[in-house]
PDB file of N, CA and C in Angstrom:
ATOM      1  N   MET A   1     -20.889  32.703  -3.246  1.00  0.00           N
ATOM      2  CA  MET A   1     -19.605  32.474  -2.599  1.00  0.00           C
ATOM      3  C   MET A   1     -18.542  32.206  -3.664  1.00  0.00           C
ATOM      4  N   LYS A   2     -17.400  32.824  -3.546  1.00  0.00           N
ATOM      5  CA  LYS A   2     -16.297  32.583  -4.455  1.00  0.00           C
ATOM      6  C   LYS A   2     -15.674  31.224  -4.139  1.00  0.00           C
ATOM      7  N   ASN A   3     -15.203  30.530  -5.163  1.00  0.00           N
ATOM      8  CA  ASN A   3     -14.576  29.228  -4.940  1.00  0.00           C
ATOM      9  C   ASN A   3     -13.400  29.308  -3.976  1.00  0.00           C
ATOM     10  N   MET A   4     -12.666  30.421  -3.966  1.00  0.00           N
ATOM     11  CA  MET A   4     -11.516  30.550  -3.066  1.00  0.00           C
ATOM     12  C   MET A   4     -11.961  30.557  -1.609  1.00  0.00           C
ATOM     13  N   ASP A   5     -13.231  30.880  -1.347  1.00  0.00           N
ATOM     14  CA  ASP A   5     -13.762  30.911   0.010  1.00  0.00           C
ATOM     15  C   ASP A   5     -14.312  29.560   0.446  1.00  0.00           C
ATOM     16  N   GLN A   6     -14.285  28.589  -0.431  1.00  0.00           N
ATOM     17  CA  GLN A   6     -14.826  27.267  -0.113  1.00  0.00           C
ATOM     18  C   GLN A   6     -13.815  26.510   0.750  1.00  0.00           C
ATOM     19  N   ILE A   7     -14.257  26.146   1.955  1.00  0.00           N
ATOM     20  CA  ILE A   7     -13.358  25.487   2.900  1.00  0.00           C
ATOM     21  C   ILE A   7     -14.010  24.218   3.443  1.00  0.00           C
ATOM     22  N   CYS A   8     -13.224  23.159   3.520  1.00  0.00           N
ATOM     23  CA  CYS A   8     -13.653  21.916   4.149  1.00  0.00           C
ATOM     24  C   CYS A   8     -12.639  21.558   5.226  1.00  0.00           C
ATOM     25  N   TYR A   9     -13.149  21.032   6.335  1.00  0.00           N
ATOM     26  CA  TYR A   9     -12.336  20.771   7.521  1.00  0.00           C
ATOM     27  C   TYR A   9     -12.067  19.277   7.663  1.00  0.00           C
ATOM     28  N   ILE A  10     -10.774  18.924   7.784  1.00  0.00           N
ATOM     29  CA  ILE A  10     -10.363  17.541   8.040  1.00  0.00           C
ATOM     30  C   ILE A  10     -10.109  17.424   9.543  1.00  0.00           C
ATOM     31  N   VAL A  11     -10.816  16.519  10.207  1.00  0.00           N
ATOM     32  CA  VAL A  11     -10.724  16.416  11.659  1.00  0.00           C
ATOM     33  C   VAL A  11      -9.422  15.751  12.101  1.00  0.00           C
ATOM     34  N   HIS A  12      -9.085  14.593  11.512  1.00  0.00           N
ATOM     35  CA  HIS A  12      -7.869  13.861  11.890  1.00  0.00           C
ATOM     36  C   HIS A  12      -7.113  13.413  10.631  1.00  0.00           C
ATOM     37  N   GLU A  13      -5.846  13.200  10.758  1.00  0.00           N
ATOM     38  CA  GLU A  13      -4.978  12.848   9.628  1.00  0.00           C
ATOM     39  C   GLU A  13      -5.474  11.643   8.823  1.00  0.00           C
ATOM     40  N   PRO A  14      -5.906  10.532   9.437  1.00  0.00           N
ATOM     41  CA  PRO A  14      -6.300   9.376   8.615  1.00  0.00           C
ATOM     42  C   PRO A  14      -7.672   9.513   7.946  1.00  0.00           C
ATOM     43  N   ASP A  15      -8.401  10.609   8.184  1.00  0.00           N
ATOM     44  CA  ASP A  15      -9.747  10.769   7.621  1.00  0.00           C
ATOM     45  C   ASP A  15      -9.724  10.735   6.096  1.00  0.00           C
ATOM     46  N   ASN A  16     -10.759  10.093   5.504  1.00  0.00           N
ATOM     47  CA  ASN A  16     -10.879  10.097   4.046  1.00  0.00           C
ATOM     48  C   ASN A  16     -12.069  10.940   3.586  1.00  0.00           C
ATOM     49  N   VAL A  17     -12.654  11.711   4.520  1.00  0.00           N
ATOM     50  CA  VAL A  17     -13.677  12.707   4.209  1.00  0.00           C
ATOM     51  C   VAL A  17     -13.372  13.981   4.995  1.00  0.00           C
ATOM     52  N   ALA A  18     -13.865  15.095   4.485  1.00  0.00           N
ATOM     53  CA  ALA A  18     -13.753  16.380   5.175  1.00  0.00           C
ATOM     54  C   ALA A  18     -15.156  16.956   5.275  1.00  0.00           C
ATOM     55  N   THR A  19     -15.364  17.894   6.192  1.00  0.00           N
ATOM     56  CA  THR A  19     -16.671  18.499   6.424  1.00  0.00           C
ATOM     57  C   THR A  19     -16.757  19.878   5.777  1.00  0.00           C
ATOM     58  N   ALA A  20     -17.830  20.109   5.036  1.00  0.00           N
ATOM     59  CA  ALA A  20     -18.044  21.408   4.391  1.00  0.00           C
ATOM     60  C   ALA A  20     -18.359  22.464   5.445  1.00  0.00           C
ATOM     61  N   MET A  21     -17.593  23.542   5.458  1.00  0.00           N
ATOM     62  CA  MET A  21     -17.779  24.625   6.432  1.00  0.00           C
ATOM     63  C   MET A  21     -18.776  25.673   5.931  1.00  0.00           C
ATOM     64  N   ALA A  22     -19.277  25.485   4.737  1.00  0.00           N
ATOM     65  CA  ALA A  22     -20.321  26.311   4.124  1.00  0.00           C
ATOM     66  C   ALA A  22     -20.855  25.501   2.952  1.00  0.00           C
ATOM     67  N   ASP A  23     -21.918  25.957   2.309  1.00  0.00           N
ATOM     68  CA  ASP A  23     -22.374  25.266   1.103  1.00  0.00           C
ATOM     69  C   ASP A  23     -21.255  25.325   0.072  1.00  0.00           C
ATOM     70  N   ILE A  24     -20.906  24.182  -0.498  1.00  0.00           N
ATOM     71  CA  ILE A  24     -19.817  24.073  -1.472  1.00  0.00           C
ATOM     72  C   ILE A  24     -20.407  23.888  -2.868  1.00  0.00           C
ATOM     73  N   GLU A  25     -19.871  24.606  -3.819  1.00  0.00           N
ATOM     74  CA  GLU A  25     -20.245  24.456  -5.231  1.00  0.00           C
ATOM     75  C   GLU A  25     -19.096  23.745  -5.948  1.00  0.00           C
ATOM     76  N   PRO A  26     -19.366  23.112  -7.079  1.00  0.00           N
ATOM     77  CA  PRO A  26     -18.281  22.458  -7.812  1.00  0.00           C
ATOM     78  C   PRO A  26     -17.136  23.428  -8.097  1.00  0.00           C
ATOM     79  N   GLY A  27     -15.922  22.956  -7.897  1.00  0.00           N
ATOM     80  CA  GLY A  27     -14.744  23.789  -8.108  1.00  0.00           C
ATOM     81  C   GLY A  27     -13.728  23.607  -6.996  1.00  0.00           C
ATOM     82  N   LYS A  28     -12.757  24.506  -6.942  1.00  0.00           N
ATOM     83  CA  LYS A  28     -11.663  24.422  -5.970  1.00  0.00           C
ATOM     84  C   LYS A  28     -12.155  24.614  -4.537  1.00  0.00           C
ATOM     85  N   VAL A  29     -11.607  23.779  -3.653  1.00  0.00           N
ATOM     86  CA  VAL A  29     -11.923  23.830  -2.229  1.00  0.00           C
ATOM     87  C   VAL A  29     -10.613  23.810  -1.461  1.00  0.00           C
ATOM     88  N   CYS A  30     -10.484  24.694  -0.472  1.00  0.00           N
ATOM     89  CA  CYS A  30      -9.309  24.693   0.407  1.00  0.00           C
ATOM     90  C   CYS A  30      -9.577  23.761   1.572  1.00  0.00           C
ATOM     91  N   LEU A  31      -8.571  22.962   1.930  1.00  0.00           N
ATOM     92  CA  LEU A  31      -8.688  22.052   3.069  1.00  0.00           C
ATOM     93  C   LEU A  31      -8.003  22.662   4.276  1.00  0.00           C
ATOM     94  N   THR A  32      -8.638  22.539   5.422  1.00  0.00           N
ATOM     95  CA  THR A  32      -8.071  23.021   6.666  1.00  0.00           C
ATOM     96  C   THR A  32      -8.352  21.980   7.742  1.00  0.00           C
ATOM     97  N   GLY A  33      -7.800  22.195   8.914  1.00  0.00           N
ATOM     98  CA  GLY A  33      -8.029  21.271  10.012  1.00  0.00           C
ATOM     99  C   GLY A  33      -6.772  21.107  10.835  1.00  0.00           C
ATOM    100  N   GLU A  34      -6.842  20.211  11.782  1.00  0.00           N
ATOM    101  CA  GLU A  34      -5.719  19.989  12.678  1.00  0.00           C
ATOM    102  C   GLU A  34      -4.908  18.784  12.213  1.00  0.00           C
ATOM    103  N   CYS A  35      -4.470  18.853  10.974  1.00  0.00           N
ATOM    104  CA  CYS A  35      -3.679  17.769  10.407  1.00  0.00           C
ATOM    105  C   CYS A  35      -2.687  18.350   9.405  1.00  0.00           C
ATOM    106  N   GLY A  36      -1.835  17.535   8.885  1.00  0.00           N
ATOM    107  CA  GLY A  36      -0.795  17.983   7.977  1.00  0.00           C
ATOM    108  C   GLY A  36      -1.262  18.367   6.589  1.00  0.00           C
ATOM    109  N   ARG A  37      -2.556  18.182   6.291  1.00  0.00           N
ATOM    110  CA  ARG A  37      -3.048  18.485   4.946  1.00  0.00           C
ATOM    111  C   ARG A  37      -3.602  19.895   4.809  1.00  0.00           C
ATOM    112  N   THR A  38      -3.551  20.695   5.870  1.00  0.00           N
ATOM    113  CA  THR A  38      -4.042  22.072   5.815  1.00  0.00           C
ATOM    114  C   THR A  38      -3.317  22.832   4.714  1.00  0.00           C
ATOM    115  N   GLY A  39      -4.064  23.592   3.937  1.00  0.00           N
ATOM    116  CA  GLY A  39      -3.478  24.363   2.839  1.00  0.00           C
ATOM    117  C   GLY A  39      -3.565  23.637   1.515  1.00  0.00           C
ATOM    118  N   ASN A  40      -3.838  22.340   1.535  1.00  0.00           N
ATOM    119  CA  ASN A  40      -4.022  21.598   0.290  1.00  0.00           C
ATOM    120  C   ASN A  40      -5.348  21.990  -0.344  1.00  0.00           C
ATOM    121  N   GLU A  41      -5.499  21.667  -1.614  1.00  0.00           N
ATOM    122  CA  GLU A  41      -6.741  21.944  -2.322  1.00  0.00           C
ATOM    123  C   GLU A  41      -7.343  20.659  -2.844  1.00  0.00           C
ATOM    124  N   LEU A  42      -8.630  20.718  -3.087  1.00  0.00           N
ATOM    125  CA  LEU A  42      -9.408  19.604  -3.611  1.00  0.00           C
ATOM    126  C   LEU A  42     -10.384  20.201  -4.613  1.00  0.00           C
ATOM    127  N   THR A  43     -10.770  19.457  -5.622  1.00  0.00           N
ATOM    128  CA  THR A  43     -11.789  19.918  -6.554  1.00  0.00           C
ATOM    129  C   THR A  43     -13.103  19.226  -6.226  1.00  0.00           C
ATOM    130  N   ALA A  44     -14.109  20.008  -5.815  1.00  0.00           N
ATOM    131  CA  ALA A  44     -15.443  19.467  -5.568  1.00  0.00           C
ATOM    132  C   ALA A  44     -16.079  19.143  -6.915  1.00  0.00           C
ATOM    133  N   LEU A  45     -16.582  17.925  -7.058  1.00  0.00           N
ATOM    134  CA  LEU A  45     -17.204  17.498  -8.308  1.00  0.00           C
ATOM    135  C   LEU A  45     -18.693  17.823  -8.354  1.00  0.00           C
ATOM    136  N   GLN A  46     -19.268  18.090  -7.179  1.00  0.00           N
ATOM    137  CA  GLN A  46     -20.693  18.389  -7.096  1.00  0.00           C
ATOM    138  C   GLN A  46     -20.938  19.262  -5.868  1.00  0.00           C
ATOM    139  N   SER A  47     -22.132  19.777  -5.757  1.00  0.00           N
ATOM    140  CA  SER A  47     -22.483  20.595  -4.593  1.00  0.00           C
ATOM    141  C   SER A  47     -22.472  19.741  -3.333  1.00  0.00           C
ATOM    142  N   VAL A  48     -22.016  20.347  -2.237  1.00  0.00           N
ATOM    143  CA  VAL A  48     -21.997  19.686  -0.930  1.00  0.00           C
ATOM    144  C   VAL A  48     -22.596  20.671   0.075  1.00  0.00           C
ATOM    145  N   PRO A  49     -23.730  20.312   0.696  1.00  0.00           N
ATOM    146  CA  PRO A  49     -24.337  21.231   1.663  1.00  0.00           C
ATOM    147  C   PRO A  49     -23.463  21.423   2.910  1.00  0.00           C
ATOM    148  N   PHE A  50     -23.614  22.576   3.544  1.00  0.00           N
ATOM    149  CA  PHE A  50     -22.924  22.886   4.787  1.00  0.00           C
ATOM    150  C   PHE A  50     -23.095  21.731   5.788  1.00  0.00           C
ATOM    151  N   GLY A  51     -21.983  21.318   6.397  1.00  0.00           N
ATOM    152  CA  GLY A  51     -22.014  20.272   7.411  1.00  0.00           C
ATOM    153  C   GLY A  51     -21.935  18.864   6.870  1.00  0.00           C
ATOM    154  N   HIS A  52     -22.084  18.697   5.561  1.00  0.00           N
ATOM    155  CA  HIS A  52     -21.995  17.366   4.962  1.00  0.00           C
ATOM    156  C   HIS A  52     -20.538  17.051   4.632  1.00  0.00           C
ATOM    157  N   LYS A  53     -20.290  15.816   4.202  1.00  0.00           N
ATOM    158  CA  LYS A  53     -18.938  15.344   3.939  1.00  0.00           C
ATOM    159  C   LYS A  53     -18.606  15.379   2.449  1.00  0.00           C
ATOM    160  N   ILE A  54     -17.306  15.557   2.173  1.00  0.00           N
ATOM    161  CA  ILE A  54     -16.780  15.474   0.817  1.00  0.00           C
ATOM    162  C   ILE A  54     -15.650  14.437   0.830  1.00  0.00           C
ATOM    163  N   ALA A  55     -15.599  13.620  -0.205  1.00  0.00           N
ATOM    164  CA  ALA A  55     -14.594  12.559  -0.280  1.00  0.00           C
ATOM    165  C   ALA A  55     -13.216  13.125  -0.586  1.00  0.00           C
ATOM    166  N   LEU A  56     -12.220  12.686   0.180  1.00  0.00           N
ATOM    167  CA  LEU A  56     -10.828  13.095  -0.034  1.00  0.00           C
ATOM    168  C   LEU A  56     -10.081  12.116  -0.924  1.00  0.00           C
ATOM    169  N   LYS A  57     -10.720  10.982  -1.257  1.00  0.00           N
ATOM    170  CA  LYS A  57     -10.106   9.974  -2.122  1.00  0.00           C
ATOM    171  C   LYS A  57     -11.211   9.161  -2.776  1.00  0.00           C
ATOM    172  N   ASP A  58     -10.863   8.430  -3.820  1.00  0.00           N
ATOM    173  CA  ASP A  58     -11.809   7.503  -4.429  1.00  0.00           C
ATOM    174  C   ASP A  58     -12.060   6.363  -3.443  1.00  0.00           C
ATOM    175  N   MET A  59     -13.321   5.917  -3.342  1.00  0.00           N
ATOM    176  CA  MET A  59     -13.673   4.832  -2.434  1.00  0.00           C
ATOM    177  C   MET A  59     -14.620   3.862  -3.127  1.00  0.00           C
ATOM    178  N   ASP A  60     -14.391   2.580  -2.911  1.00  0.00           N
ATOM    179  CA  ASP A  60     -15.214   1.528  -3.497  1.00  0.00           C
ATOM    180  C   ASP A  60     -16.285   1.058  -2.521  1.00  0.00           C
ATOM    181  N   GLU A  61     -17.319   0.419  -3.061  1.00  0.00           N
ATOM    182  CA  GLU A  61     -18.389  -0.126  -2.236  1.00  0.00           C
ATOM    183  C   GLU A  61     -17.815  -1.032  -1.146  1.00  0.00           C
ATOM    184  N   GLY A  62     -18.301  -0.863   0.080  1.00  0.00           N
ATOM    185  CA  GLY A  62     -17.846  -1.659   1.210  1.00  0.00           C
ATOM    186  C   GLY A  62     -16.680  -1.058   1.972  1.00  0.00           C
ATOM    187  N   GLU A  63     -16.030  -0.057   1.390  1.00  0.00           N
ATOM    188  CA  GLU A  63     -14.884   0.584   2.045  1.00  0.00           C
ATOM    189  C   GLU A  63     -15.349   1.417   3.233  1.00  0.00           C
ATOM    190  N   GLU A  64     -14.507   1.510   4.251  1.00  0.00           N
ATOM    191  CA  GLU A  64     -14.831   2.299   5.438  1.00  0.00           C
ATOM    192  C   GLU A  64     -14.698   3.792   5.162  1.00  0.00           C
ATOM    193  N   ILE A  65     -15.630   4.558   5.721  1.00  0.00           N
ATOM    194  CA  ILE A  65     -15.546   6.016   5.698  1.00  0.00           C
ATOM    195  C   ILE A  65     -14.968   6.424   7.045  1.00  0.00           C
ATOM    196  N   ILE A  66     -13.822   7.102   6.997  1.00  0.00           N
ATOM    197  CA  ILE A  66     -13.095   7.464   8.214  1.00  0.00           C
ATOM    198  C   ILE A  66     -13.253   8.959   8.483  1.00  0.00           C
ATOM    199  N   LYS A  67     -13.758   9.282   9.686  1.00  0.00           N
ATOM    200  CA  LYS A  67     -13.870  10.660  10.170  1.00  0.00           C
ATOM    201  C   LYS A  67     -13.616  10.602  11.668  1.00  0.00           C
ATOM    202  N   TYR A  68     -12.999  11.608  12.210  1.00  0.00           N
ATOM    203  CA  TYR A  68     -12.589  11.606  13.629  1.00  0.00           C
ATOM    204  C   TYR A  68     -11.546  10.520  13.882  1.00  0.00           C
ATOM    205  N   GLY A  69     -10.911  10.029  12.822  1.00  0.00           N
ATOM    206  CA  GLY A  69      -9.918   8.975  12.960  1.00  0.00           C
ATOM    207  C   GLY A  69     -10.515   7.593  13.153  1.00  0.00           C
ATOM    208  N   VAL A  70     -11.837   7.452  13.036  1.00  0.00           N
ATOM    209  CA  VAL A  70     -12.504   6.156  13.213  1.00  0.00           C
ATOM    210  C   VAL A  70     -13.500   5.922  12.078  1.00  0.00           C
ATOM    211  N   CYS A  71     -13.904   4.688  11.919  1.00  0.00           N
ATOM    212  CA  CYS A  71     -14.903   4.337  10.903  1.00  0.00           C
ATOM    213  C   CYS A  71     -16.269   4.826  11.362  1.00  0.00           C
ATOM    214  N   ILE A  72     -16.889   5.689  10.545  1.00  0.00           N
ATOM    215  CA  ILE A  72     -18.237   6.177  10.860  1.00  0.00           C
ATOM    216  C   ILE A  72     -19.277   5.562   9.934  1.00  0.00           C
ATOM    217  N   GLY A  73     -18.835   4.890   8.868  1.00  0.00           N
ATOM    218  CA  GLY A  73     -19.790   4.316   7.930  1.00  0.00           C
ATOM    219  C   GLY A  73     -19.115   3.499   6.861  1.00  0.00           C
ATOM    220  N   LEU A  74     -19.947   2.942   5.979  1.00  0.00           N
ATOM    221  CA  LEU A  74     -19.466   2.122   4.876  1.00  0.00           C
ATOM    222  C   LEU A  74     -20.024   2.664   3.569  1.00  0.00           C
ATOM    223  N   VAL A  75     -19.211   2.627   2.542  1.00  0.00           N
ATOM    224  CA  VAL A  75     -19.616   3.083   1.211  1.00  0.00           C
ATOM    225  C   VAL A  75     -20.612   2.083   0.632  1.00  0.00           C
ATOM    226  N   THR A  76     -21.751   2.577   0.119  1.00  0.00           N
ATOM    227  CA  THR A  76     -22.758   1.700  -0.481  1.00  0.00           C
ATOM    228  C   THR A  76     -22.707   1.696  -2.002  1.00  0.00           C
ATOM    229  N   LYS A  77     -22.069   2.710  -2.595  1.00  0.00           N
ATOM    230  CA  LYS A  77     -21.788   2.708  -4.032  1.00  0.00           C
ATOM    231  C   LYS A  77     -20.567   3.588  -4.265  1.00  0.00           C
ATOM    232  N   LYS A  78     -19.836   3.286  -5.307  1.00  0.00           N
ATOM    233  CA  LYS A  78     -18.547   3.936  -5.589  1.00  0.00           C
ATOM    234  C   LYS A  78     -18.630   5.452  -5.433  1.00  0.00           C
ATOM    235  N   ILE A  79     -17.623   6.002  -4.755  1.00  0.00           N
ATOM    236  CA  ILE A  79     -17.518   7.442  -4.528  1.00  0.00           C
ATOM    237  C   ILE A  79     -16.191   7.916  -5.111  1.00  0.00           C
ATOM    238  N   ARG A  80     -16.229   8.989  -5.896  1.00  0.00           N
ATOM    239  CA  ARG A  80     -15.009   9.567  -6.443  1.00  0.00           C
ATOM    240  C   ARG A  80     -14.541  10.722  -5.557  1.00  0.00           C
ATOM    241  N   LYS A  81     -13.243  10.934  -5.546  1.00  0.00           N
ATOM    242  CA  LYS A  81     -12.659  12.060  -4.818  1.00  0.00           C
ATOM    243  C   LYS A  81     -13.358  13.348  -5.242  1.00  0.00           C
ATOM    244  N   GLY A  82     -13.826  14.138  -4.252  1.00  0.00           N
ATOM    245  CA  GLY A  82     -14.509  15.392  -4.543  1.00  0.00           C
ATOM    246  C   GLY A  82     -16.022  15.290  -4.564  1.00  0.00           C
ATOM    247  N   MET A  83     -16.563  14.073  -4.371  1.00  0.00           N
ATOM    248  CA  MET A  83     -18.015  13.898  -4.377  1.00  0.00           C
ATOM    249  C   MET A  83     -18.611  14.096  -2.990  1.00  0.00           C
ATOM    250  N   HIS A  84     -19.879  14.442  -2.969  1.00  0.00           N
ATOM    251  CA  HIS A  84     -20.682  14.565  -1.754  1.00  0.00           C
ATOM    252  C   HIS A  84     -20.840  13.166  -1.143  1.00  0.00           C
ATOM    253  N   VAL A  85     -20.596  13.043   0.164  1.00  0.00           N
ATOM    254  CA  VAL A  85     -20.743  11.765   0.868  1.00  0.00           C
ATOM    255  C   VAL A  85     -21.861  11.933   1.896  1.00  0.00           C
ATOM    256  N   HIS A  86     -22.949  11.155   1.724  1.00  0.00           N
ATOM    257  CA  HIS A  86     -24.093  11.238   2.639  1.00  0.00           C
ATOM    258  C   HIS A  86     -24.917   9.957   2.488  1.00  0.00           C
ATOM    259  N   LEU A  87     -26.158   9.944   2.948  1.00  0.00           N
ATOM    260  CA  LEU A  87     -26.977   8.732   2.959  1.00  0.00           C
ATOM    261  C   LEU A  87     -27.235   8.128   1.585  1.00  0.00           C
ATOM    262  N   HIS A  88     -27.052   8.880   0.523  1.00  0.00           N
ATOM    263  CA  HIS A  88     -27.287   8.355  -0.823  1.00  0.00           C
ATOM    264  C   HIS A  88     -26.152   7.443  -1.290  1.00  0.00           C
ATOM    265  N   ASN A  89     -24.981   7.489  -0.622  1.00  0.00           N
ATOM    266  CA  ASN A  89     -23.867   6.634  -1.049  1.00  0.00           C
ATOM    267  C   ASN A  89     -23.076   6.045   0.124  1.00  0.00           C
ATOM    268  N   MET A  90     -23.663   6.085   1.327  1.00  0.00           N
ATOM    269  CA  MET A  90     -23.026   5.484   2.500  1.00  0.00           C
ATOM    270  C   MET A  90     -24.096   5.018   3.473  1.00  0.00           C
ATOM    271  N   LYS A  91     -23.693   4.180   4.422  1.00  0.00           N
ATOM    272  CA  LYS A  91     -24.567   3.827   5.535  1.00  0.00           C
ATOM    273  C   LYS A  91     -23.762   3.947   6.817  1.00  0.00           C
ATOM    274  N   SER A  92     -24.440   4.270   7.889  1.00  0.00           N
ATOM    275  CA  SER A  92     -23.801   4.498   9.177  1.00  0.00           C
ATOM    276  C   SER A  92     -23.209   3.219   9.741  1.00  0.00           C
ATOM    277  N   ALA A  93     -22.069   3.334  10.399  1.00  0.00           N
ATOM    278  CA  ALA A  93     -21.474   2.197  11.104  1.00  0.00           C
ATOM    279  C   ALA A  93     -21.927   2.196  12.553  1.00  0.00           C
ATOM    280  N   TYR A  94     -22.607   3.237  12.979  1.00  0.00           N
ATOM    281  CA  TYR A  94     -23.068   3.331  14.366  1.00  0.00           C
ATOM    282  C   TYR A  94     -24.532   2.970  14.494  1.00  0.00           C
ATOM    283  N   ASP A  95     -25.324   3.416  13.563  1.00  0.00           N
ATOM    284  CA  ASP A  95     -26.757   3.200  13.603  1.00  0.00           C
ATOM    285  C   ASP A  95     -27.141   2.488  12.316  1.00  0.00           C
ATOM    286  N   PHE A  96     -27.063   1.155  12.330  1.00  0.00           N
ATOM    287  CA  PHE A  96     -27.304   0.409  11.100  1.00  0.00           C
ATOM    288  C   PHE A  96     -28.740   0.577  10.611  1.00  0.00           C
ATOM    289  N   ARG A  97     -29.645   0.963  11.474  1.00  0.00           N
ATOM    290  CA  ARG A  97     -31.017   1.216  11.049  1.00  0.00           C
ATOM    291  C   ARG A  97     -31.067   2.387  10.075  1.00  0.00           C
ATOM    292  N   SER A  98     -30.137   3.349  10.213  1.00  0.00           N
ATOM    293  CA  SER A  98     -30.143   4.496   9.303  1.00  0.00           C
ATOM    294  C   SER A  98     -29.884   4.074   7.869  1.00  0.00           C
ATOM    295  N   ALA A  99     -29.291   2.897   7.679  1.00  0.00           N
ATOM    296  CA  ALA A  99     -29.066   2.397   6.324  1.00  0.00           C
ATOM    297  C   ALA A  99     -30.383   2.063   5.646  1.00  0.00           C
ATOM    298  N   GLU A 100     -31.444   1.906   6.410  1.00  0.00           N
ATOM    299  CA  GLU A 100     -32.760   1.597   5.858  1.00  0.00           C
ATOM    300  C   GLU A 100     -33.621   2.838   5.657  1.00  0.00           C
ATOM    301  N   LEU A 101     -33.058   4.035   5.886  1.00  0.00           N
ATOM    302  CA  LEU A 101     -33.812   5.261   5.670  1.00  0.00           C
ATOM    303  C   LEU A 101     -33.732   5.687   4.211  1.00  0.00           C
ATOM    304  N   ASP A 102     -34.857   6.078   3.663  1.00  0.00           N
ATOM    305  CA  ASP A 102     -34.878   6.607   2.308  1.00  0.00           C
ATOM    306  C   ASP A 102     -34.243   8.001   2.366  1.00  0.00           C
ATOM    307  N   PRO A 103     -33.183   8.269   1.596  1.00  0.00           N
ATOM    308  CA  PRO A 103     -32.503   9.566   1.697  1.00  0.00           C
ATOM    309  C   PRO A 103     -33.341  10.756   1.243  1.00  0.00           C
ATOM    310  N   VAL A 104     -34.426  10.506   0.526  1.00  0.00           N
ATOM    311  CA  VAL A 104     -35.286  11.595   0.069  1.00  0.00           C
ATOM    312  C   VAL A 104     -36.394  11.877   1.080  1.00  0.00           C
ATOM    313  N   THR A 105     -37.114  10.823   1.496  1.00  0.00           N
ATOM    314  CA  THR A 105     -38.252  11.009   2.403  1.00  0.00           C
ATOM    315  C   THR A 105     -37.857  10.858   3.869  1.00  0.00           C
ATOM    316  N   ILE A 106     -36.734  10.227   4.151  1.00  0.00           N
ATOM    317  CA  ILE A 106     -36.241   9.919   5.491  1.00  0.00           C
ATOM    318  C   ILE A 106     -37.156   8.926   6.217  1.00  0.00           C
ATOM    319  N   HIS A 107     -38.042   8.254   5.499  1.00  0.00           N
ATOM    320  CA  HIS A 107     -38.863   7.195   6.086  1.00  0.00           C
ATOM    321  C   HIS A 107     -38.094   5.880   6.047  1.00  0.00           C
ATOM    322  N   ALA A 108     -38.286   5.059   7.061  1.00  0.00           N
ATOM    323  CA  ALA A 108     -37.626   3.749   7.105  1.00  0.00           C
ATOM    324  C   ALA A 108     -38.191   2.854   6.009  1.00  0.00           C
ATOM    325  N   ARG A 109     -37.292   2.225   5.233  1.00  0.00           N
ATOM    326  CA  ARG A 109     -37.719   1.328   4.161  1.00  0.00           C
ATOM    327  C   ARG A 109     -38.008  -0.069   4.687  1.00  0.00           C
ATOM    328  N   ASP A 110     -37.611  -0.349   5.942  1.00  0.00           N
ATOM    329  CA  ASP A 110     -37.812  -1.699   6.491  1.00  0.00           C
ATOM    330  C   ASP A 110     -39.089  -1.801   7.331  1.00  0.00           C
ATOM    331  N   ILE A 111     -39.963  -0.794   7.231  1.00  0.00           N
ATOM    332  CA  ILE A 111     -41.230  -0.803   7.947  1.00  0.00           C
ATOM    333  C   ILE A 111     -42.351  -0.699   6.930  1.00  0.00           C
ATOM    334  N   GLU A 112     -43.375  -1.512   7.122  1.00  0.00           N
ATOM    335  CA  GLU A 112     -44.541  -1.430   6.242  1.00  0.00           C
ATOM    336  C   GLU A 112     -45.532  -0.454   6.873  1.00  0.00           C
ATOM    337  N   TYR A 113     -45.860   0.602   6.172  1.00  0.00           N
ATOM    338  CA  TYR A 113     -46.799   1.595   6.666  1.00  0.00           C
ATOM    339  C   TYR A 113     -48.193   1.252   6.143  1.00  0.00           C
ATOM    340  N   LYS A 114     -49.158   1.148   7.051  1.00  0.00           N
ATOM    341  CA  LYS A 114     -50.534   0.830   6.666  1.00  0.00           C
ATOM    342  C   LYS A 114     -51.431   1.966   7.111  1.00  0.00           C
ATOM    343  N   VAL A 115     -52.419   2.249   6.298  1.00  0.00           N
ATOM    344  CA  VAL A 115     -53.409   3.259   6.638  1.00  0.00           C
ATOM    345  C   VAL A 115     -54.695   2.513   7.012  1.00  0.00           C
ATOM    346  N   TYR A 116     -55.222   2.789   8.170  1.00  0.00           N
ATOM    347  CA  TYR A 116     -56.441   2.123   8.644  1.00  0.00           C
ATOM    348  C   TYR A 116     -57.628   3.015   8.487  1.00  0.00           C
TER     349      TYR A 116
END
């Protein structure tokens, strides 16, 4: 995919993340959506899989992640503008149990698994 074809969608004006409309590679990304930022560009700092979020601004630990105009999660470690935003650097504000999921194995870290 050419960088010019890389598009991320901003759902609402106050959002601080956008959604990747295809797999994104590092480089220029066009922003679109139903807000005043359509036509702006962003530089992706890392790969972002289709459907995942990309940061529209720098965010510190504990800061709210805004999508759909509402808080969907909290930053768990510093995120720079253009970085991939997912379970490795955020936790859900809706399902706090998801914060205990290992982002690699997707197993809950708050459960002790025993083999009998």
